[in-house]
């Protein structure tokens, strides 16, 4: 669909780079607060963003989360997860 439409691709990348970090910030806040209800909705938004960029490893990371795992994660593990997500966005910047 986007082949040959470099303007659309550039717009999608720009949108991804500008807006996804804001969603990751919200995700991180909810993750640190063990707010599963908020986290679930935010993770769906993140998956949508990563799906546009065909970033399947990030989608798999988010898909693997469940409530019990989130509550069992250490602060360090939560920081590492958010760091991985941010590093993907940084690659496009």
Protein backbone atom coordinates (compact mmCIF):
# COMPACT_ATOMS: atom_id res chain seq x y z
CA UNK A 1 0.00 0.00 0.00
CA UNK A 2 2.81 2.41 0.84
CA UNK A 3 5.25 1.33 -1.85
CA UNK A 4 6.30 4.34 -3.85
CA UNK A 5 4.59 6.77 -1.49
CA UNK A 6 7.61 8.13 0.33
CA UNK A 7 5.63 11.10 1.64
CA UNK A 8 3.17 8.83 3.45
CA UNK A 9 6.00 6.73 4.86
CA UNK A 10 7.77 9.85 6.11
CA UNK A 11 4.55 11.07 7.74
CA UNK A 12 4.02 7.72 9.47
CA UNK A 13 7.58 7.68 10.78
CA UNK A 14 7.25 11.25 12.02
CA UNK A 15 3.98 10.42 13.76
CA UNK A 16 5.53 7.30 15.30
CA UNK A 17 8.59 9.20 16.57
CA UNK A 18 6.57 12.09 18.02
CA UNK A 19 3.57 10.31 19.53
CA UNK A 20 4.77 6.87 20.57
CA UNK A 21 7.13 8.16 23.30
CA UNK A 22 4.14 9.89 24.91
CA UNK A 23 2.24 6.60 24.94
CA UNK A 24 5.30 4.82 26.36
CA UNK A 25 5.46 7.44 29.13
CA UNK A 26 1.83 6.71 30.04
CA UNK A 27 2.51 2.96 29.79
CA UNK A 28 5.51 3.29 32.11
CA UNK A 29 3.54 5.28 34.66
CA UNK A 30 0.77 2.70 34.69
CA UNK A 31 3.28 -0.14 34.76
CA UNK A 32 5.06 1.30 37.80
CA UNK A 33 1.69 1.83 39.54
CA UNK A 34 0.55 -1.74 38.73
CA UNK A 35 -2.52 -0.17 37.08
CA UNK A 36 -3.55 -3.18 35.03
CA UNK A 37 -6.78 -1.64 33.70
CA UNK A 38 -5.03 1.45 32.38
CA UNK A 39 -2.03 -0.56 31.26
CA UNK A 40 -4.13 -2.88 29.15
CA UNK A 41 -5.66 -0.04 27.14
CA UNK A 42 -2.36 1.75 26.74
CA UNK A 43 -0.62 -1.43 25.61
CA UNK A 44 -3.24 -1.81 22.86
CA UNK A 45 -2.42 1.70 21.63
CA UNK A 46 1.27 0.89 21.71
CA UNK A 47 0.74 -2.32 19.77
CA UNK A 48 -1.13 -0.35 17.13
CA UNK A 49 1.77 2.08 16.81
CA UNK A 50 4.34 -0.70 16.57
CA UNK A 51 2.14 -2.60 14.12
CA UNK A 52 2.21 0.37 11.71
CA UNK A 53 5.99 0.16 11.72
CA UNK A 54 5.93 -3.66 11.53
CA UNK A 55 7.89 -3.91 14.77
CA UNK A 56 6.83 -7.45 15.62
CA UNK A 57 9.28 -8.05 18.51
CA UNK A 58 7.79 -5.06 20.37
CA UNK A 59 4.28 -6.32 19.73
CA UNK A 60 5.26 -9.74 21.07
CA UNK A 61 6.71 -8.14 24.23
CA UNK A 62 3.45 -6.31 24.85
CA UNK A 63 1.28 -9.29 23.96
CA UNK A 64 3.14 -11.44 26.47
CA UNK A 65 2.14 -9.24 29.41
CA UNK A 66 -0.55 -10.44 31.71
CA UNK A 67 -1.75 -9.09 35.02
CA UNK A 68 0.10 -11.62 37.19
CA UNK A 69 3.38 -11.03 35.35
CA UNK A 70 3.07 -7.26 35.68
CA UNK A 71 2.49 -7.49 39.43
CA UNK A 72 5.48 -9.84 39.78
CA UNK A 73 7.89 -7.66 37.79
CA UNK A 74 10.60 -5.79 39.65
CA UNK A 75 11.17 -2.08 39.13
CA UNK A 76 14.27 -2.95 37.11
CA UNK A 77 12.35 -5.31 34.83
CA UNK A 78 9.71 -2.64 34.24
CA UNK A 79 12.42 -0.09 33.43
CA UNK A 80 14.07 -2.54 31.03
CA UNK A 81 10.81 -3.22 29.23
CA UNK A 82 10.15 0.48 28.73
CA UNK A 83 13.75 0.99 27.67
CA UNK A 84 13.39 -1.66 24.97
CA UNK A 85 10.25 0.01 23.66
CA UNK A 86 11.92 3.44 23.66
CA UNK A 87 14.99 2.09 21.86
CA UNK A 88 12.80 0.92 18.98
CA UNK A 89 11.36 4.42 18.59
CA UNK A 90 14.84 5.94 18.80
CA UNK A 91 15.94 3.84 15.82
CA UNK A 92 13.46 5.77 13.67
CA UNK A 93 14.39 9.22 14.96
